[in-house]
Amino acid sequence: MKARIILATAIIPLGLIIAAVPENTTKPYKLTAEQLLEEVKSGTQFMQPDEIADMVIAKDPTLQLIDVRAADEFEKFNLPGAINIPLVDILNHEWEETINQDVKMNVFYSNGTNDANQAWMITRQLGYQNNYVLQGGVNYWAETIMNPQVPPSTSPNEEMAKYDLRKGAGMALGGAADASQPAVASAGGGAKPPIQKKDKKKKVQGGC
């Protein structure tokens, strides 16, 4: 019974999104619902804000952030270097070469986790590789990277070191120098990036 509830929780949102997509844009799925459920349960699609912040600061060319929120939300605020592919357009042929490729590591994000995870579920069931989800979305990003809270003085050294790293990353990305000050929202470019042709000999490590 528990397995059925988990399956329903994972698949029902997926079905609702697919139902909203025009019929002529759908494609045959390559993973069964059971296979997708196993990947959903493993949680290997999630990447932590700290990991993404490090890659953004290092200008890692293998990273491509994909904002799946509506265009108006994207225009108000987006992560550095992100492009906008609203969830309802995730199966649009215009974006297939961006999402279905083996050159870059795509990381979907939204305000929270749900919409980005649905984008990942759809593309993963189609068999697309190298797509991930930013854990917690921009809300958690703001909390952990742009405005990290100072740990209590009694916190372990590891917690203090994590705070220092996050504070440095937030400042480098336009956040507040002091946790008591509000973060400065910086907007990244929204242009569609050039896509290199697939090279099967150069796989991105750590794919789903």
N, C-alpha and C. Protein backbone atom coordinates (compact mmCIF):
# COMPACT_ATOMS: atom_id res chain seq x y z
N MET A 1 0.82 -1.20 0.00
CA MET A 1 0.00 0.00 0.00
C MET A 1 0.86 1.26 0.00
N LYS A 2 1.91 1.24 0.84
CA LYS A 2 2.79 2.39 0.91
C LYS A 2 3.44 2.67 -0.43
N ALA A 3 3.86 1.59 -1.12
CA ALA A 3 4.50 1.75 -2.43
C ALA A 3 3.54 2.37 -3.43
N ARG A 4 2.26 1.99 -3.33
CA ARG A 4 1.26 2.55 -4.25
C ARG A 4 1.05 4.04 -4.00
N ILE A 5 1.08 4.42 -2.72
CA ILE A 5 0.91 5.84 -2.38
C ILE A 5 2.08 6.65 -2.91
N ILE A 6 3.30 6.14 -2.74
CA ILE A 6 4.50 6.82 -3.24
C ILE A 6 4.43 6.94 -4.76
N LEU A 7 4.01 5.84 -5.41
CA LEU A 7 3.90 5.86 -6.86
C LEU A 7 2.90 6.90 -7.33
N ALA A 8 1.74 6.94 -6.63
CA ALA A 8 0.71 7.91 -7.01
C ALA A 8 1.21 9.33 -6.81
N THR A 9 1.92 9.58 -5.73
CA THR A 9 2.45 10.92 -5.43
C THR A 9 3.43 11.37 -6.51
N ALA A 10 4.21 10.43 -7.03
CA ALA A 10 5.21 10.78 -8.04
C ALA A 10 4.62 10.91 -9.43
N ILE A 11 3.64 10.05 -9.76
CA ILE A 11 3.15 9.97 -11.13
C ILE A 11 1.99 10.90 -11.42
N ILE A 12 1.11 11.16 -10.44
CA ILE A 12 -0.06 12.01 -10.69
C ILE A 12 0.34 13.41 -11.17
N PRO A 13 1.32 14.10 -10.50
CA PRO A 13 1.74 15.41 -11.02
C PRO A 13 2.29 15.31 -12.43
N LEU A 14 2.98 14.22 -12.72
CA LEU A 14 3.53 14.01 -14.05
C LEU A 14 2.41 13.93 -15.08
N GLY A 15 1.34 13.18 -14.74
CA GLY A 15 0.22 13.05 -15.66
C GLY A 15 -0.49 14.36 -15.91
N LEU A 16 -0.60 15.19 -14.87
CA LEU A 16 -1.25 16.49 -15.03
C LEU A 16 -0.47 17.40 -15.97
N ILE A 17 0.86 17.37 -15.86
CA ILE A 17 1.69 18.20 -16.73
C ILE A 17 1.59 17.72 -18.16
N ILE A 18 1.65 16.40 -18.36
CA ILE A 18 1.58 15.85 -19.72
C ILE A 18 0.23 16.18 -20.35
N ALA A 19 -0.84 16.14 -19.54
CA ALA A 19 -2.17 16.43 -20.05
C ALA A 19 -2.29 17.86 -20.54
N ALA A 20 -1.47 18.77 -19.96
CA ALA A 20 -1.52 20.18 -20.34
C ALA A 20 -0.71 20.47 -21.59
N VAL A 21 0.07 19.50 -22.04
CA VAL A 21 0.91 19.70 -23.22
C VAL A 21 0.14 19.29 -24.47
N PRO A 22 0.18 20.10 -25.54
CA PRO A 22 -0.51 19.73 -26.78
C PRO A 22 -0.10 18.33 -27.24
N GLU A 23 -1.06 17.58 -27.78
CA GLU A 23 -0.82 16.18 -28.13
C GLU A 23 0.33 16.00 -29.10
N ASN A 24 0.47 16.89 -30.07
CA ASN A 24 1.50 16.70 -31.09
C ASN A 24 2.91 17.00 -30.59
N THR A 25 3.07 17.39 -29.31
CA THR A 25 4.41 17.64 -28.78
C THR A 25 4.88 16.51 -27.86
N THR A 26 4.00 15.53 -27.60
CA THR A 26 4.40 14.43 -26.73
C THR A 26 5.25 13.43 -27.48
N LYS A 27 6.07 12.71 -26.71
CA LYS A 27 6.98 11.72 -27.29
C LYS A 27 6.86 10.43 -26.50
N PRO A 28 7.19 9.28 -27.11
CA PRO A 28 7.08 8.03 -26.37
C PRO A 28 8.07 7.97 -25.20
N TYR A 29 7.60 7.45 -24.07
CA TYR A 29 8.46 7.34 -22.91
C TYR A 29 9.35 6.12 -23.01
N LYS A 30 10.57 6.25 -22.47
CA LYS A 30 11.55 5.17 -22.51
C LYS A 30 11.72 4.48 -21.17
N LEU A 31 11.25 5.11 -20.09
CA LEU A 31 11.27 4.50 -18.77
C LEU A 31 9.85 4.16 -18.35
N THR A 32 9.67 3.03 -17.69
CA THR A 32 8.35 2.70 -17.16
C THR A 32 8.12 3.52 -15.89
N ALA A 33 6.87 3.54 -15.45
CA ALA A 33 6.54 4.26 -14.22
C ALA A 33 7.33 3.69 -13.04
N GLU A 34 7.51 2.38 -13.02
CA GLU A 34 8.24 1.74 -11.92
C GLU A 34 9.71 2.14 -11.94
N GLN A 35 10.31 2.19 -13.12
CA GLN A 35 11.72 2.60 -13.23
C GLN A 35 11.90 4.05 -12.79
N LEU A 36 10.98 4.90 -13.21
CA LEU A 36 11.06 6.30 -12.82
C LEU A 36 10.88 6.45 -11.31
N LEU A 37 9.96 5.68 -10.74
CA LEU A 37 9.73 5.74 -9.31
C LEU A 37 11.00 5.39 -8.53
N GLU A 38 11.73 4.40 -8.98
CA GLU A 38 12.97 4.01 -8.31
C GLU A 38 13.97 5.17 -8.31
N GLU A 39 14.05 5.88 -9.42
CA GLU A 39 14.97 7.02 -9.49
C GLU A 39 14.49 8.17 -8.62
N VAL A 40 13.16 8.39 -8.59
CA VAL A 40 12.60 9.44 -7.75
C VAL A 40 12.91 9.16 -6.29
N LYS A 41 12.75 7.90 -5.88
CA LYS A 41 13.00 7.51 -4.48
C LYS A 41 14.47 7.66 -4.10
N SER A 42 15.36 7.47 -5.07
CA SER A 42 16.80 7.56 -4.77
C SER A 42 17.24 9.00 -4.51
N GLY A 43 16.53 9.97 -5.13
CA GLY A 43 16.85 11.38 -4.91
C GLY A 43 18.16 11.83 -5.54
N THR A 44 18.70 11.03 -6.45
CA THR A 44 19.99 11.38 -7.05
C THR A 44 19.89 12.55 -8.03
N GLN A 45 18.67 13.00 -8.33
CA GLN A 45 18.52 14.11 -9.25
C GLN A 45 18.79 15.46 -8.58
N PHE A 46 18.83 15.48 -7.25
CA PHE A 46 18.96 16.75 -6.55
C PHE A 46 20.42 17.19 -6.39
N MET A 47 20.64 18.50 -6.58
CA MET A 47 21.93 19.12 -6.33
C MET A 47 21.73 20.22 -5.29
N GLN A 48 22.69 20.34 -4.38
CA GLN A 48 22.58 21.30 -3.30
C GLN A 48 23.01 22.70 -3.76
N PRO A 49 22.43 23.75 -3.16
CA PRO A 49 22.80 25.12 -3.52
C PRO A 49 24.30 25.38 -3.42
N ASP A 50 24.97 24.78 -2.41
CA ASP A 50 26.41 24.99 -2.25
C ASP A 50 27.18 24.52 -3.49
N GLU A 51 26.78 23.36 -4.02
CA GLU A 51 27.44 22.82 -5.21
C GLU A 51 27.26 23.76 -6.40
N ILE A 52 26.02 24.22 -6.58
CA ILE A 52 25.72 25.09 -7.72
C ILE A 52 26.42 26.43 -7.57
N ALA A 53 26.45 26.99 -6.36
CA ALA A 53 27.12 28.27 -6.13
C ALA A 53 28.60 28.17 -6.49
N ASP A 54 29.25 27.07 -6.09
CA ASP A 54 30.65 26.88 -6.43
C ASP A 54 30.86 26.86 -7.94
N MET A 55 29.97 26.18 -8.67
CA MET A 55 30.09 26.07 -10.11
C MET A 55 29.84 27.42 -10.79
N VAL A 56 28.86 28.18 -10.27
CA VAL A 56 28.55 29.49 -10.85
C VAL A 56 29.73 30.44 -10.66
N ILE A 57 30.29 30.47 -9.45
CA ILE A 57 31.43 31.34 -9.17
C ILE A 57 32.63 30.98 -10.04
N ALA A 58 32.84 29.66 -10.23
CA ALA A 58 33.97 29.19 -11.04
C ALA A 58 33.71 29.33 -12.53
N LYS A 59 32.49 29.79 -12.89
CA LYS A 59 32.09 29.91 -14.31
C LYS A 59 32.29 28.58 -15.03
N ASP A 60 31.85 27.52 -14.38
CA ASP A 60 31.98 26.18 -14.94
C ASP A 60 31.18 26.08 -16.25
N PRO A 61 31.85 25.83 -17.37
CA PRO A 61 31.15 25.81 -18.66
C PRO A 61 30.22 24.61 -18.84
N THR A 62 30.33 23.62 -17.96
CA THR A 62 29.47 22.44 -18.10
C THR A 62 28.11 22.64 -17.43
N LEU A 63 27.94 23.75 -16.70
CA LEU A 63 26.68 24.00 -15.99
C LEU A 63 25.73 24.83 -16.83
N GLN A 64 24.47 24.38 -16.91
CA GLN A 64 23.41 25.18 -17.53
C GLN A 64 22.21 25.18 -16.60
N LEU A 65 21.92 26.35 -16.00
CA LEU A 65 20.77 26.50 -15.13
C LEU A 65 19.53 26.77 -15.98
N ILE A 66 18.45 26.05 -15.70
CA ILE A 66 17.21 26.19 -16.47
C ILE A 66 16.07 26.55 -15.51
N ASP A 67 15.56 27.76 -15.64
CA ASP A 67 14.48 28.27 -14.82
C ASP A 67 13.15 27.85 -15.45
N VAL A 68 12.37 27.02 -14.74
CA VAL A 68 11.12 26.52 -15.31
C VAL A 68 9.90 27.32 -14.85
N ARG A 69 10.12 28.48 -14.24
CA ARG A 69 9.01 29.34 -13.84
C ARG A 69 8.48 30.11 -15.04
N ALA A 70 7.37 30.79 -14.84
CA ALA A 70 6.79 31.62 -15.90
C ALA A 70 7.75 32.75 -16.25
N ALA A 71 7.62 33.28 -17.47
CA ALA A 71 8.53 34.30 -17.97
C ALA A 71 8.56 35.56 -17.10
N ASP A 72 7.41 35.95 -16.55
CA ASP A 72 7.39 37.17 -15.74
C ASP A 72 8.17 36.99 -14.44
N GLU A 73 8.12 35.80 -13.85
CA GLU A 73 8.91 35.54 -12.65
C GLU A 73 10.40 35.51 -12.98
N PHE A 74 10.73 34.93 -14.12
CA PHE A 74 12.12 34.87 -14.55
C PHE A 74 12.69 36.27 -14.75
N GLU A 75 11.90 37.16 -15.33
CA GLU A 75 12.37 38.53 -15.58
C GLU A 75 12.62 39.29 -14.28
N LYS A 76 11.83 39.00 -13.25
CA LYS A 76 11.99 39.70 -11.97
C LYS A 76 13.28 39.27 -11.27
N PHE A 77 13.56 37.99 -11.31
CA PHE A 77 14.77 37.48 -10.67
C PHE A 77 15.12 36.11 -11.23
N ASN A 78 16.41 35.92 -11.54
CA ASN A 78 16.86 34.60 -11.96
C ASN A 78 18.30 34.39 -11.54
N LEU A 79 18.73 33.17 -11.50
CA LEU A 79 20.10 32.87 -11.10
C LEU A 79 21.07 33.20 -12.23
N PRO A 80 22.32 33.54 -11.90
CA PRO A 80 23.30 33.96 -12.91
C PRO A 80 23.47 32.94 -14.03
N GLY A 81 23.32 33.43 -15.27
CA GLY A 81 23.53 32.59 -16.43
C GLY A 81 22.37 31.68 -16.80
N ALA A 82 21.25 31.77 -16.06
CA ALA A 82 20.12 30.87 -16.31
C ALA A 82 19.37 31.25 -17.58
N ILE A 83 18.71 30.25 -18.17
CA ILE A 83 17.80 30.48 -19.28
C ILE A 83 16.40 30.09 -18.81
N ASN A 84 15.39 30.58 -19.51
CA ASN A 84 14.02 30.35 -19.10
C ASN A 84 13.32 29.39 -20.05
N ILE A 85 12.90 28.23 -19.52
CA ILE A 85 12.06 27.29 -20.25
C ILE A 85 10.89 26.97 -19.33
N PRO A 86 9.78 27.70 -19.45
CA PRO A 86 8.64 27.43 -18.57
C PRO A 86 8.22 25.96 -18.62
N LEU A 87 7.74 25.46 -17.50
CA LEU A 87 7.38 24.05 -17.40
C LEU A 87 6.42 23.62 -18.51
N VAL A 88 5.46 24.47 -18.85
CA VAL A 88 4.48 24.11 -19.88
C VAL A 88 5.12 23.99 -21.27
N ASP A 89 6.34 24.50 -21.44
CA ASP A 89 7.02 24.43 -22.72
C ASP A 89 8.14 23.39 -22.72
N ILE A 90 8.20 22.56 -21.69
CA ILE A 90 9.34 21.68 -21.52
C ILE A 90 9.48 20.67 -22.66
N LEU A 91 8.37 20.35 -23.35
CA LEU A 91 8.43 19.41 -24.47
C LEU A 91 8.40 20.10 -25.83
N ASN A 92 8.52 21.42 -25.80
CA ASN A 92 8.54 22.17 -27.06
C ASN A 92 9.79 21.79 -27.86
N HIS A 93 9.60 21.52 -29.14
CA HIS A 93 10.71 21.09 -29.99
C HIS A 93 11.85 22.11 -30.01
N GLU A 94 11.52 23.37 -29.80
CA GLU A 94 12.53 24.43 -29.81
C GLU A 94 13.63 24.19 -28.78
N TRP A 95 13.28 23.52 -27.69
CA TRP A 95 14.23 23.35 -26.60
C TRP A 95 14.81 21.94 -26.51
N GLU A 96 14.48 21.09 -27.45
CA GLU A 96 14.91 19.69 -27.34
C GLU A 96 16.43 19.54 -27.32
N GLU A 97 17.12 20.28 -28.17
CA GLU A 97 18.58 20.16 -28.21
C GLU A 97 19.23 20.74 -26.95
N THR A 98 18.53 21.61 -26.26
CA THR A 98 19.06 22.15 -25.00
C THR A 98 18.92 21.15 -23.87
N ILE A 99 17.78 20.46 -23.85
CA ILE A 99 17.49 19.55 -22.74
C ILE A 99 18.00 18.13 -22.99
N ASN A 100 17.96 17.69 -24.24
CA ASN A 100 18.38 16.32 -24.56
C ASN A 100 19.76 16.36 -25.21
N GLN A 101 20.80 16.37 -24.40
CA GLN A 101 22.17 16.45 -24.90
C GLN A 101 23.12 15.84 -23.87
N ASP A 102 24.36 15.64 -24.26
CA ASP A 102 25.33 15.04 -23.34
C ASP A 102 26.59 15.89 -23.21
N VAL A 103 26.43 17.21 -23.35
CA VAL A 103 27.58 18.11 -23.24
C VAL A 103 27.54 18.89 -21.93
N LYS A 104 26.37 19.44 -21.59
CA LYS A 104 26.23 20.24 -20.38
C LYS A 104 25.44 19.49 -19.30
N MET A 105 25.58 19.95 -18.07
CA MET A 105 24.81 19.45 -16.95
C MET A 105 23.69 20.44 -16.70
N ASN A 106 22.48 20.08 -17.08
CA ASN A 106 21.33 20.95 -16.89
C ASN A 106 20.81 20.83 -15.46
N VAL A 107 20.50 21.96 -14.84
CA VAL A 107 19.91 21.95 -13.50
C VAL A 107 18.63 22.77 -13.54
N PHE A 108 17.50 22.08 -13.43
CA PHE A 108 16.20 22.76 -13.39
C PHE A 108 16.00 23.41 -12.02
N TYR A 109 15.36 24.58 -12.02
CA TYR A 109 14.98 25.17 -10.73
C TYR A 109 13.70 25.97 -10.88
N SER A 110 12.99 26.12 -9.75
CA SER A 110 11.78 26.93 -9.68
C SER A 110 11.79 27.62 -8.32
N ASN A 111 10.66 28.12 -7.87
CA ASN A 111 10.65 28.79 -6.56
C ASN A 111 10.96 27.79 -5.45
N GLY A 112 10.33 26.64 -5.52
CA GLY A 112 10.60 25.57 -4.58
C GLY A 112 11.25 24.42 -5.33
N THR A 113 10.76 23.21 -5.10
CA THR A 113 11.32 22.04 -5.76
C THR A 113 10.34 21.36 -6.70
N ASN A 114 9.03 21.47 -6.45
CA ASN A 114 8.03 20.68 -7.16
C ASN A 114 8.07 20.83 -8.68
N ASP A 115 7.98 22.07 -9.19
CA ASP A 115 7.92 22.27 -10.64
C ASP A 115 9.20 21.80 -11.32
N ALA A 116 10.33 22.09 -10.71
CA ALA A 116 11.60 21.66 -11.29
C ALA A 116 11.70 20.13 -11.29
N ASN A 117 11.20 19.50 -10.24
CA ASN A 117 11.25 18.05 -10.16
C ASN A 117 10.32 17.43 -11.20
N GLN A 118 9.19 18.08 -11.48
CA GLN A 118 8.29 17.59 -12.52
C GLN A 118 8.95 17.68 -13.90
N ALA A 119 9.69 18.78 -14.13
CA ALA A 119 10.42 18.91 -15.39
C ALA A 119 11.43 17.78 -15.52
N TRP A 120 12.11 17.48 -14.42
CA TRP A 120 13.09 16.39 -14.45
C TRP A 120 12.40 15.06 -14.70
N MET A 121 11.26 14.81 -14.05
CA MET A 121 10.54 13.55 -14.23
C MET A 121 10.13 13.34 -15.68
N ILE A 122 9.63 14.39 -16.32
CA ILE A 122 9.20 14.29 -17.71
C ILE A 122 10.38 13.97 -18.62
N THR A 123 11.45 14.74 -18.48
CA THR A 123 12.61 14.54 -19.36
C THR A 123 13.32 13.24 -19.05
N ARG A 124 13.33 12.84 -17.79
CA ARG A 124 14.00 11.58 -17.44
C ARG A 124 13.23 10.40 -17.98
N GLN A 125 11.89 10.44 -17.94
CA GLN A 125 11.11 9.32 -18.45
C GLN A 125 11.25 9.21 -19.97
N LEU A 126 11.59 10.33 -20.60
CA LEU A 126 11.87 10.31 -22.04
C LEU A 126 13.25 9.73 -22.33
N GLY A 127 14.03 9.51 -21.28
CA GLY A 127 15.37 8.96 -21.46
C GLY A 127 16.46 9.99 -21.56
N TYR A 128 16.14 11.27 -21.34
CA TYR A 128 17.16 12.31 -21.42
C TYR A 128 18.14 12.19 -20.25
N GLN A 129 19.41 12.46 -20.53
CA GLN A 129 20.46 12.35 -19.53
C GLN A 129 20.93 13.74 -19.08
N ASN A 130 21.69 13.75 -17.97
CA ASN A 130 22.39 14.95 -17.50
C ASN A 130 21.46 16.09 -17.08
N ASN A 131 20.28 15.76 -16.62
CA ASN A 131 19.35 16.74 -16.09
C ASN A 131 19.19 16.53 -14.59
N TYR A 132 19.21 17.64 -13.83
CA TYR A 132 19.16 17.58 -12.38
C TYR A 132 18.20 18.63 -11.85
N VAL A 133 18.06 18.70 -10.53
CA VAL A 133 17.13 19.63 -9.89
C VAL A 133 17.86 20.36 -8.76
N LEU A 134 17.71 21.68 -8.70
CA LEU A 134 18.27 22.45 -7.59
C LEU A 134 17.39 22.23 -6.36
N GLN A 135 17.96 21.61 -5.34
CA GLN A 135 17.21 21.33 -4.12
C GLN A 135 16.70 22.62 -3.48
N GLY A 136 15.39 22.70 -3.27
CA GLY A 136 14.79 23.85 -2.60
C GLY A 136 14.52 25.05 -3.49
N GLY A 137 15.05 25.07 -4.71
CA GLY A 137 14.80 26.17 -5.64
C GLY A 137 15.36 27.50 -5.18
N VAL A 138 14.84 28.59 -5.75
CA VAL A 138 15.37 29.92 -5.44
C VAL A 138 15.07 30.33 -3.99
N ASN A 139 14.01 29.77 -3.40
CA ASN A 139 13.70 30.11 -2.01
C ASN A 139 14.82 29.61 -1.09
N TYR A 140 15.23 28.38 -1.29
CA TYR A 140 16.29 27.80 -0.46
C TYR A 140 17.64 28.43 -0.82
N TRP A 141 17.82 28.77 -2.09
CA TRP A 141 19.04 29.45 -2.54
C TRP A 141 19.20 30.78 -1.78
N ALA A 142 18.11 31.55 -1.70
CA ALA A 142 18.16 32.84 -0.99
C ALA A 142 18.50 32.64 0.48
N GLU A 143 17.94 31.58 1.05
CA GLU A 143 18.14 31.32 2.47
C GLU A 143 19.55 30.84 2.78
N THR A 144 20.10 29.97 1.94
CA THR A 144 21.39 29.35 2.25
C THR A 144 22.59 30.08 1.66
N ILE A 145 22.43 30.66 0.47
CA ILE A 145 23.56 31.28 -0.22
C ILE A 145 23.55 32.80 -0.11
N MET A 146 22.43 33.43 -0.40
CA MET A 146 22.39 34.88 -0.44
C MET A 146 22.24 35.51 0.96
N ASN A 147 21.59 34.81 1.87
CA ASN A 147 21.40 35.32 3.23
C ASN A 147 21.63 34.22 4.27
N PRO A 148 22.81 33.64 4.32
CA PRO A 148 23.04 32.58 5.30
C PRO A 148 22.98 33.12 6.73
N GLN A 149 22.40 32.32 7.60
CA GLN A 149 22.27 32.73 9.00
C GLN A 149 23.53 32.34 9.78
N VAL A 150 23.99 33.26 10.62
CA VAL A 150 25.18 33.00 11.42
C VAL A 150 24.87 31.90 12.44
N PRO A 151 25.65 30.81 12.45
CA PRO A 151 25.39 29.74 13.42
C PRO A 151 25.67 30.21 14.84
N PRO A 152 25.08 29.56 15.83
CA PRO A 152 25.39 29.90 17.23
C PRO A 152 26.87 29.71 17.50
N SER A 153 27.40 30.47 18.43
CA SER A 153 28.83 30.39 18.74
C SER A 153 29.25 29.02 19.22
N THR A 154 28.28 28.23 19.68
CA THR A 154 28.59 26.88 20.18
C THR A 154 28.56 25.83 19.08
N SER A 155 28.32 26.26 17.83
CA SER A 155 28.22 25.31 16.73
C SER A 155 29.56 24.66 16.45
N PRO A 156 29.55 23.43 15.90
CA PRO A 156 30.80 22.75 15.54
C PRO A 156 31.56 23.55 14.49
N ASN A 157 32.85 23.30 14.40
CA ASN A 157 33.69 24.01 13.44
C ASN A 157 33.20 23.81 12.00
N GLU A 158 32.65 22.62 11.75
CA GLU A 158 32.17 22.35 10.39
C GLU A 158 31.05 23.30 9.99
N GLU A 159 30.16 23.60 10.94
CA GLU A 159 29.06 24.51 10.66
C GLU A 159 29.57 25.94 10.43
N MET A 160 30.55 26.35 11.20
CA MET A 160 31.11 27.69 11.03
C MET A 160 31.82 27.80 9.69
N ALA A 161 32.53 26.74 9.31
CA ALA A 161 33.22 26.74 8.02
C ALA A 161 32.23 26.79 6.87
N LYS A 162 31.12 26.06 7.00
CA LYS A 162 30.08 26.07 5.96
C LYS A 162 29.48 27.47 5.84
N TYR A 163 29.26 28.12 6.98
CA TYR A 163 28.72 29.48 6.96
C TYR A 163 29.68 30.43 6.25
N ASP A 164 30.96 30.34 6.56
CA ASP A 164 31.95 31.21 5.92
C ASP A 164 31.97 31.03 4.41
N LEU A 165 31.87 29.76 3.98
CA LEU A 165 31.87 29.48 2.54
C LEU A 165 30.61 30.06 1.89
N ARG A 166 29.48 29.88 2.54
CA ARG A 166 28.23 30.39 1.98
C ARG A 166 28.21 31.91 1.95
N LYS A 167 28.72 32.54 3.00
CA LYS A 167 28.77 34.00 3.03
C LYS A 167 29.65 34.53 1.90
N GLY A 168 30.81 33.87 1.69
CA GLY A 168 31.70 34.28 0.61
C GLY A 168 31.06 34.09 -0.74
N ALA A 169 30.34 32.97 -0.91
CA ALA A 169 29.67 32.70 -2.18
C ALA A 169 28.56 33.72 -2.41
N GLY A 170 27.79 34.03 -1.36
CA GLY A 170 26.71 35.00 -1.50
C GLY A 170 27.21 36.38 -1.88
N MET A 171 28.32 36.81 -1.27
CA MET A 171 28.89 38.11 -1.59
C MET A 171 29.39 38.14 -3.03
N ALA A 172 30.00 37.02 -3.46
CA ALA A 172 30.50 36.95 -4.83
C ALA A 172 29.37 37.00 -5.85
N LEU A 173 28.18 36.56 -5.44
CA LEU A 173 27.03 36.53 -6.35
C LEU A 173 26.08 37.70 -6.14
N GLY A 174 26.55 38.72 -5.40
CA GLY A 174 25.75 39.93 -5.24
C GLY A 174 24.87 39.94 -4.02
N GLY A 175 25.11 39.01 -3.07
CA GLY A 175 24.30 38.96 -1.87
C GLY A 175 24.79 39.94 -0.82
N ALA A 176 24.20 39.85 0.37
CA ALA A 176 24.54 40.76 1.45
C ALA A 176 25.85 40.36 2.11
N ALA A 177 26.67 41.35 2.47
CA ALA A 177 27.92 41.07 3.17
C ALA A 177 27.64 40.70 4.61
N ASP A 178 26.47 41.08 5.11
CA ASP A 178 26.09 40.81 6.48
C ASP A 178 24.73 40.13 6.48
N ALA A 179 24.57 39.09 7.28
CA ALA A 179 23.32 38.32 7.29
C ALA A 179 22.12 39.17 7.70
N SER A 180 22.37 40.31 8.36
CA SER A 180 21.27 41.16 8.80
C SER A 180 20.79 42.08 7.69
N GLN A 181 21.53 42.13 6.58
CA GLN A 181 21.16 43.00 5.46
C GLN A 181 20.48 42.17 4.37
N PRO A 182 19.52 42.75 3.63
CA PRO A 182 18.83 42.00 2.58
C PRO A 182 19.75 41.75 1.40
N ALA A 183 19.49 40.64 0.75
CA ALA A 183 20.30 40.29 -0.42
C ALA A 183 19.90 41.15 -1.61
N VAL A 184 20.84 41.38 -2.49
CA VAL A 184 20.58 42.12 -3.72
C VAL A 184 20.25 41.11 -4.80
N ALA A 185 19.07 41.23 -5.39
CA ALA A 185 18.67 40.29 -6.44
C ALA A 185 19.40 40.64 -7.73
N SER A 186 20.16 39.68 -8.22
CA SER A 186 20.86 39.90 -9.48
C SER A 186 20.26 39.03 -10.55
N ALA A 187 20.04 39.58 -11.71
CA ALA A 187 19.42 38.82 -12.80
C ALA A 187 20.47 38.39 -13.80
N GLY A 188 20.35 37.15 -14.23
CA GLY A 188 21.25 36.63 -15.23
C GLY A 188 20.66 36.79 -16.61
N GLY A 189 21.43 36.47 -17.65
CA GLY A 189 20.93 36.58 -19.01
C GLY A 189 19.93 35.50 -19.31
N GLY A 190 19.01 35.77 -20.21
CA GLY A 190 17.99 34.80 -20.55
C GLY A 190 18.08 34.31 -21.97
N ALA A 191 19.18 34.55 -22.65
CA ALA A 191 19.30 34.14 -24.04
C ALA A 191 19.48 32.64 -24.15
N LYS A 192 19.01 32.07 -25.23
CA LYS A 192 19.18 30.64 -25.48
C LYS A 192 20.63 30.37 -25.84
N PRO A 193 21.28 29.42 -25.14
CA PRO A 193 22.71 29.18 -25.37
C PRO A 193 22.95 28.36 -26.62
N PRO A 194 24.13 28.51 -27.23
CA PRO A 194 24.46 27.65 -28.37
C PRO A 194 24.66 26.23 -27.89
N ILE A 195 24.20 25.26 -28.65
CA ILE A 195 24.33 23.86 -28.27
C ILE A 195 25.34 23.18 -29.18
N GLN A 196 26.31 22.54 -28.56
CA GLN A 196 27.29 21.80 -29.34
C GLN A 196 26.68 20.50 -29.81
N LYS A 197 27.19 19.99 -30.92
CA LYS A 197 26.73 18.71 -31.42
C LYS A 197 27.16 17.62 -30.47
N LYS A 198 26.35 16.57 -30.39
CA LYS A 198 26.64 15.48 -29.49
C LYS A 198 27.94 14.78 -29.87
N ASP A 199 28.71 14.45 -28.85
CA ASP A 199 29.93 13.69 -29.03
C ASP A 199 29.85 12.53 -28.05
N LYS A 200 29.55 11.35 -28.54
CA LYS A 200 29.31 10.22 -27.66
C LYS A 200 30.54 9.82 -26.87
N LYS A 201 31.73 10.30 -27.26
CA LYS A 201 32.94 9.94 -26.54
C LYS A 201 33.19 10.82 -25.34
N LYS A 202 32.41 11.91 -25.23
CA LYS A 202 32.61 12.85 -24.13
C LYS A 202 31.34 12.94 -23.30
N LYS A 203 31.18 11.98 -22.43
CA LYS A 203 29.99 11.93 -21.57
C LYS A 203 30.21 12.76 -20.31
N VAL A 204 29.17 13.44 -19.88
CA VAL A 204 29.24 14.16 -18.61
C VAL A 204 29.12 13.13 -17.50
N GLN A 205 30.03 13.14 -16.58
CA GLN A 205 30.01 12.18 -15.49
C GLN A 205 28.89 12.49 -14.52
N GLY A 206 28.37 11.44 -13.90
CA GLY A 206 27.38 11.62 -12.84
C GLY A 206 25.97 11.82 -13.36
N GLY A 207 25.68 11.32 -14.59
CA GLY A 207 24.33 11.46 -15.12
C GLY A 207 23.35 10.61 -14.38
N CYS A 208 22.04 10.86 -14.60
CA CYS A 208 21.00 10.12 -13.87
C CYS A 208 20.99 8.66 -14.31
